[in-house]
Amino acid sequence: MSEDEQLDGDELDCLDLLEETPGILRGLMRELTEDDAKWKPAPDRFSVAEVLAHLSHSEGHCYRTRVDRFLSDELPEFEPDEAQMFLDLYRDADPEDAFDHFEEQREINVEFLRTLPRSAGERRAMHREAGEITLQQMLHEWSMHDLGHIRQIAELVRARKHLHAAGKLGESYDLKP
């Protein structure tokens, strides 16, 4: 086994995906104007800007806070993360500012997570809905959270930038942005 393979095996799971998320999002948003980013497919649906504000907010106020508590407390207790509680924070978000803040926080968080031994993944917490969880399980949930919002932003980009421009070729697509 090479030294690189050994080092990779000593890391927590999911760190590569967490590190790549900002780049994936940047690629999806490359052709969006600010108006596109603030477009909502329906009043009760999120815009790209609101999704970015949510990602930025949850990066520091949910995930990093939980990581720190996993490491400092014995069996800390976590409330469920409820995005709906923070809609007012997201409503008038500037998409570029929200993304920049998210990207900066994510870089710091992944760098920190890469310093932790794999054994840190076994640290435990009590989640009010899920029961006892490990840090590693939370990293997998964090990755699922990212993937869900990547999918959501991709669907918003499809609906805003490409559906109508595809003309009759777009009629067979059943988008749910």
C-alpha atoms as a PDB file:
ATOM      1  CA  MET A   1       0.000   0.000   0.000  1.00  0.00           C
ATOM      2  CA  SER A   2       1.381   3.386  -0.976  1.00  0.00           C
ATOM      3  CA  GLU A   3       1.733   6.190   1.564  1.00  0.00           C
ATOM      4  CA  ASP A   4      -1.063   8.126  -0.223  1.00  0.00           C
ATOM      5  CA  GLU A   5      -3.433   5.141   0.000  1.00  0.00           C
ATOM      6  CA  GLN A   6      -2.583   4.699   3.663  1.00  0.00           C
ATOM      7  CA  LEU A   7      -3.276   8.367   4.356  1.00  0.00           C
ATOM      8  CA  ASP A   8      -6.593   8.209   2.476  1.00  0.00           C
ATOM      9  CA  GLY A   9      -7.646   5.195   4.541  1.00  0.00           C
ATOM     10  CA  ASP A  10      -6.949   7.136   7.721  1.00  0.00           C
ATOM     11  CA  GLU A  11      -9.340   9.963   6.809  1.00  0.00           C
ATOM     12  CA  LEU A  12     -12.980  10.295   7.621  1.00  0.00           C
ATOM     13  CA  ASP A  13     -15.388   9.355   4.817  1.00  0.00           C
ATOM     14  CA  CYS A  14     -17.071  11.910   2.541  1.00  0.00           C
ATOM     15  CA  LEU A  15     -14.391  14.604   2.633  1.00  0.00           C
ATOM     16  CA  ASP A  16     -13.712  14.542  -1.118  1.00  0.00           C
ATOM     17  CA  LEU A  17     -17.390  15.087  -1.939  1.00  0.00           C
ATOM     18  CA  LEU A  18     -17.681  17.853   0.637  1.00  0.00           C
ATOM     19  CA  GLU A  19     -14.601  19.491  -0.878  1.00  0.00           C
ATOM     20  CA  GLU A  20     -15.925  19.229  -4.444  1.00  0.00           C
ATOM     21  CA  THR A  21     -19.416  20.614  -3.786  1.00  0.00           C
ATOM     22  CA  PRO A  22     -18.528  24.303  -4.282  1.00  0.00           C
ATOM     23  CA  GLY A  23     -16.899  23.554  -7.644  1.00  0.00           C
ATOM     24  CA  ILE A  24     -19.905  21.529  -8.798  1.00  0.00           C
ATOM     25  CA  LEU A  25     -22.234  24.356  -7.796  1.00  0.00           C
ATOM     26  CA  ARG A  26     -20.032  26.969  -9.459  1.00  0.00           C
ATOM     27  CA  GLY A  27     -20.211  24.987 -12.703  1.00  0.00           C
ATOM     28  CA  LEU A  28     -24.000  24.726 -12.516  1.00  0.00           C
ATOM     29  CA  MET A  29     -24.361  28.456 -11.906  1.00  0.00           C
ATOM     30  CA  ARG A  30     -21.838  29.591 -14.525  1.00  0.00           C
ATOM     31  CA  GLU A  31     -24.465  30.921 -16.952  1.00  0.00           C
ATOM     32  CA  LEU A  32     -26.887  32.372 -14.407  1.00  0.00           C
ATOM     33  CA  THR A  33     -27.497  36.088 -14.113  1.00  0.00           C
ATOM     34  CA  GLU A  34     -28.472  37.579 -10.769  1.00  0.00           C
ATOM     35  CA  ASP A  35     -32.094  37.647 -11.986  1.00  0.00           C
ATOM     36  CA  ASP A  36     -31.848  33.960 -12.868  1.00  0.00           C
ATOM     37  CA  ALA A  37     -30.427  33.170  -9.431  1.00  0.00           C
ATOM     38  CA  LYS A  38     -33.301  35.019  -7.728  1.00  0.00           C
ATOM     39  CA  TRP A  39     -36.008  33.431  -9.913  1.00  0.00           C
ATOM     40  CA  LYS A  40     -38.489  31.251  -8.034  1.00  0.00           C
ATOM     41  CA  PRO A  41     -40.482  28.618  -9.905  1.00  0.00           C
ATOM     42  CA  ALA A  42     -43.358  29.143  -7.436  1.00  0.00           C
ATOM     43  CA  PRO A  43     -43.872  31.263  -4.323  1.00  0.00           C
ATOM     44  CA  ASP A  44     -43.373  28.267  -2.023  1.00  0.00           C
ATOM     45  CA  ARG A  45     -40.192  27.046  -3.766  1.00  0.00           C
ATOM     46  CA  PHE A  46     -36.590  28.151  -3.244  1.00  0.00           C
ATOM     47  CA  SER A  47     -34.572  30.184  -5.738  1.00  0.00           C
ATOM     48  CA  VAL A  48     -30.907  29.379  -6.402  1.00  0.00           C
ATOM     49  CA  ALA A  49     -30.009  32.416  -4.259  1.00  0.00           C
ATOM     50  CA  GLU A  50     -32.086  31.079  -1.367  1.00  0.00           C
ATOM     51  CA  VAL A  51     -30.526  27.627  -1.661  1.00  0.00           C
ATOM     52  CA  LEU A  52     -27.070  29.219  -1.561  1.00  0.00           C
ATOM     53  CA  ALA A  53     -28.037  31.270   1.507  1.00  0.00           C
ATOM     54  CA  HIS A  54     -29.292  28.079   3.165  1.00  0.00           C
ATOM     55  CA  LEU A  55     -26.046  26.249   2.357  1.00  0.00           C
ATOM     56  CA  SER A  56     -24.000  29.129   3.744  1.00  0.00           C
ATOM     57  CA  HIS A  57     -26.085  29.333   6.909  1.00  0.00           C
ATOM     58  CA  SER A  58     -26.173  25.597   7.577  1.00  0.00           C
ATOM     59  CA  GLU A  59     -22.428  25.262   6.934  1.00  0.00           C
ATOM     60  CA  GLY A  60     -21.573  27.274  10.030  1.00  0.00           C
ATOM     61  CA  HIS A  61     -24.685  27.184  12.176  1.00  0.00           C
ATOM     62  CA  CYS A  62     -25.442  23.503  11.817  1.00  0.00           C
ATOM     63  CA  TYR A  63     -22.617  21.364  10.490  1.00  0.00           C
ATOM     64  CA  ARG A  64     -19.496  23.073  11.842  1.00  0.00           C
ATOM     65  CA  THR A  65     -21.181  23.711  15.169  1.00  0.00           C
ATOM     66  CA  ARG A  66     -22.065  20.030  15.394  1.00  0.00           C
ATOM     67  CA  VAL A  67     -18.551  18.906  14.461  1.00  0.00           C
ATOM     68  CA  ASP A  68     -17.109  21.099  17.199  1.00  0.00           C
ATOM     69  CA  ARG A  69     -19.607  19.764  19.746  1.00  0.00           C
ATOM     70  CA  PHE A  70     -18.939  16.151  18.715  1.00  0.00           C
ATOM     71  CA  LEU A  71     -15.284  16.771  19.508  1.00  0.00           C
ATOM     72  CA  SER A  72     -15.626  18.828  22.696  1.00  0.00           C
ATOM     73  CA  ASP A  73     -18.631  17.333  24.500  1.00  0.00           C
ATOM     74  CA  GLU A  74     -19.499  13.860  25.654  1.00  0.00           C
ATOM     75  CA  LEU A  75     -22.721  12.829  23.917  1.00  0.00           C
ATOM     76  CA  PRO A  76     -23.903  16.351  22.955  1.00  0.00           C
ATOM     77  CA  GLU A  77     -27.566  16.788  22.117  1.00  0.00           C
ATOM     78  CA  PHE A  78     -28.642  18.164  18.721  1.00  0.00           C
ATOM     79  CA  GLU A  79     -31.931  19.610  17.580  1.00  0.00           C
ATOM     80  CA  PRO A  80     -33.103  18.756  14.059  1.00  0.00           C
ATOM     81  CA  ASP A  81     -31.951  21.254  11.418  1.00  0.00           C
ATOM     82  CA  GLU A  82     -35.055  22.963  10.091  1.00  0.00           C
ATOM     83  CA  ALA A  83     -34.426  25.140   7.017  1.00  0.00           C
ATOM     84  CA  GLN A  84     -37.997  26.447   7.108  1.00  0.00           C
ATOM     85  CA  MET A  85     -37.221  28.256  10.370  1.00  0.00           C
ATOM     86  CA  PHE A  86     -34.718  30.490   8.584  1.00  0.00           C
ATOM     87  CA  LEU A  87     -36.605  31.453   5.425  1.00  0.00           C
ATOM     88  CA  ASP A  88     -36.475  35.150   6.313  1.00  0.00           C
ATOM     89  CA  LEU A  89     -32.667  34.958   6.385  1.00  0.00           C
ATOM     90  CA  TYR A  90     -32.620  33.459   2.900  1.00  0.00           C
ATOM     91  CA  ARG A  91     -35.287  35.568   1.223  1.00  0.00           C
ATOM     92  CA  ASP A  92     -33.221  38.571   0.066  1.00  0.00           C
ATOM     93  CA  ALA A  93     -29.860  36.876  -0.150  1.00  0.00           C
ATOM     94  CA  ASP A  94     -27.308  38.087  -2.649  1.00  0.00           C
ATOM     95  CA  PRO A  95     -26.385  34.906  -4.538  1.00  0.00           C
ATOM     96  CA  GLU A  96     -22.719  35.747  -5.044  1.00  0.00           C
ATOM     97  CA  ASP A  97     -22.193  36.811  -1.422  1.00  0.00           C
ATOM     98  CA  ALA A  98     -23.981  33.711  -0.146  1.00  0.00           C
ATOM     99  CA  PHE A  99     -21.933  31.449  -2.412  1.00  0.00           C
ATOM    100  CA  ASP A 100     -18.631  33.145  -1.514  1.00  0.00           C
ATOM    101  CA  HIS A 101     -19.390  32.777   2.196  1.00  0.00           C
ATOM    102  CA  PHE A 102     -20.386  29.136   1.746  1.00  0.00           C
ATOM    103  CA  GLU A 103     -17.258  28.381  -0.306  1.00  0.00           C
ATOM    104  CA  GLU A 104     -14.950  30.026   2.244  1.00  0.00           C
ATOM    105  CA  GLN A 105     -16.540  28.185   5.174  1.00  0.00           C
ATOM    106  CA  ARG A 106     -16.486  24.871   3.313  1.00  0.00           C
ATOM    107  CA  GLU A 107     -12.782  25.166   2.550  1.00  0.00           C
ATOM    108  CA  ILE A 108     -12.007  25.856   6.223  1.00  0.00           C
ATOM    109  CA  ASN A 109     -14.266  23.016   7.367  1.00  0.00           C
ATOM    110  CA  VAL A 110     -12.798  20.413   5.014  1.00  0.00           C
ATOM    111  CA  GLU A 111      -9.252  21.449   5.913  1.00  0.00           C
ATOM    112  CA  PHE A 112     -10.132  20.996   9.582  1.00  0.00           C
ATOM    113  CA  LEU A 113     -11.883  17.653   9.014  1.00  0.00           C
ATOM    114  CA  ARG A 114      -8.812  16.370   7.156  1.00  0.00           C
ATOM    115  CA  THR A 115      -6.748  16.902  10.335  1.00  0.00           C
ATOM    116  CA  LEU A 116      -8.965  14.533  12.333  1.00  0.00           C
ATOM    117  CA  PRO A 117      -8.096  10.867  12.692  1.00  0.00           C
ATOM    118  CA  ARG A 118     -10.548   8.344  11.279  1.00  0.00           C
ATOM    119  CA  SER A 119     -11.343   7.317  14.860  1.00  0.00           C
ATOM    120  CA  ALA A 120     -12.988  10.738  15.424  1.00  0.00           C
ATOM    121  CA  GLY A 121     -15.811   9.438  13.243  1.00  0.00           C
ATOM    122  CA  GLU A 122     -16.883   7.194  16.119  1.00  0.00           C
ATOM    123  CA  ARG A 123     -17.598  10.158  18.413  1.00  0.00           C
ATOM    124  CA  ARG A 124     -21.264  10.051  19.431  1.00  0.00           C
ATOM    125  CA  ALA A 125     -24.081  12.552  19.882  1.00  0.00           C
ATOM    126  CA  MET A 126     -27.779  12.372  20.645  1.00  0.00           C
ATOM    127  CA  HIS A 127     -30.028  13.726  17.906  1.00  0.00           C
ATOM    128  CA  ARG A 128     -33.538  14.595  19.087  1.00  0.00           C
ATOM    129  CA  GLU A 129     -35.180  12.849  16.117  1.00  0.00           C
ATOM    130  CA  ALA A 130     -32.655  10.224  15.011  1.00  0.00           C
ATOM    131  CA  GLY A 131     -31.381   9.096  18.399  1.00  0.00           C
ATOM    132  CA  GLU A 132     -27.720   8.272  18.921  1.00  0.00           C
ATOM    133  CA  ILE A 133     -25.538   9.133  15.922  1.00  0.00           C
ATOM    134  CA  THR A 134     -21.828   9.194  15.127  1.00  0.00           C
ATOM    135  CA  LEU A 135     -19.778  11.968  13.577  1.00  0.00           C
ATOM    136  CA  GLN A 136     -19.187   9.718  10.565  1.00  0.00           C
ATOM    137  CA  GLN A 137     -22.933   9.265  10.101  1.00  0.00           C
ATOM    138  CA  MET A 138     -23.355  13.021  10.214  1.00  0.00           C
ATOM    139  CA  LEU A 139     -20.692  13.410   7.501  1.00  0.00           C
ATOM    140  CA  HIS A 140     -22.686  11.050   5.297  1.00  0.00           C
ATOM    141  CA  GLU A 141     -25.853  13.057   6.002  1.00  0.00           C
ATOM    142  CA  TRP A 142     -23.923  16.275   5.217  1.00  0.00           C
ATOM    143  CA  SER A 143     -22.962  14.738   1.869  1.00  0.00           C
ATOM    144  CA  MET A 144     -26.581  13.770   1.199  1.00  0.00           C
ATOM    145  CA  HIS A 145     -27.586  17.345   2.068  1.00  0.00           C
ATOM    146  CA  ASP A 146     -25.065  18.648  -0.483  1.00  0.00           C
ATOM    147  CA  LEU A 147     -26.205  16.219  -3.171  1.00  0.00           C
ATOM    148  CA  GLY A 148     -29.851  17.137  -2.621  1.00  0.00           C
ATOM    149  CA  HIS A 149     -29.099  20.825  -3.079  1.00  0.00           C
ATOM    150  CA  ILE A 150     -26.855  20.147  -6.090  1.00  0.00           C
ATOM    151  CA  ARG A 151     -29.830  18.341  -7.631  1.00  0.00           C
ATOM    152  CA  GLN A 152     -32.167  21.177  -6.630  1.00  0.00           C
ATOM    153  CA  ILE A 153     -29.941  23.838  -8.199  1.00  0.00           C
ATOM    154  CA  ALA A 154     -29.476  21.716 -11.334  1.00  0.00           C
ATOM    155  CA  GLU A 155     -33.253  21.455 -11.671  1.00  0.00           C
ATOM    156  CA  LEU A 156     -33.656  25.231 -11.198  1.00  0.00           C
ATOM    157  CA  VAL A 157     -31.017  25.869 -13.883  1.00  0.00           C
ATOM    158  CA  ARG A 158     -32.744  23.413 -16.236  1.00  0.00           C
ATOM    159  CA  ALA A 159     -36.095  25.129 -15.738  1.00  0.00           C
ATOM    160  CA  ARG A 160     -34.841  28.721 -15.891  1.00  0.00           C
ATOM    161  CA  LYS A 161     -32.153  28.554 -18.592  1.00  0.00           C
ATOM    162  CA  HIS A 162     -32.873  25.590 -20.827  1.00  0.00           C
ATOM    163  CA  LEU A 163     -36.478  24.387 -20.804  1.00  0.00           C
ATOM    164  CA  HIS A 164     -38.007  27.176 -22.919  1.00  0.00           C
ATOM    165  CA  ALA A 165     -34.868  27.595 -25.013  1.00  0.00           C
ATOM    166  CA  ALA A 166     -35.119  23.916 -26.017  1.00  0.00           C
ATOM    167  CA  GLY A 167     -38.443  24.638 -27.694  1.00  0.00           C
ATOM    168  CA  LYS A 168     -40.439  21.559 -28.628  1.00  0.00           C
ATOM    169  CA  LEU A 169     -37.513  19.357 -27.577  1.00  0.00           C
ATOM    170  CA  GLY A 170     -38.126  20.429 -23.973  1.00  0.00           C
ATOM    171  CA  GLU A 171     -41.827  19.573 -23.921  1.00  0.00           C
ATOM    172  CA  SER A 172     -41.270  15.978 -22.835  1.00  0.00           C
ATOM    173  CA  TYR A 173     -39.303  16.945 -19.732  1.00  0.00           C
ATOM    174  CA  ASP A 174     -41.209  16.869 -16.453  1.00  0.00           C
ATOM    175  CA  LEU A 175     -39.210  19.326 -14.363  1.00  0.00           C
ATOM    176  CA  LYS A 176     -39.853  19.881 -10.661  1.00  0.00           C
ATOM    177  CA  PRO A 177     -37.656  22.830  -9.708  1.00  0.00           C
END
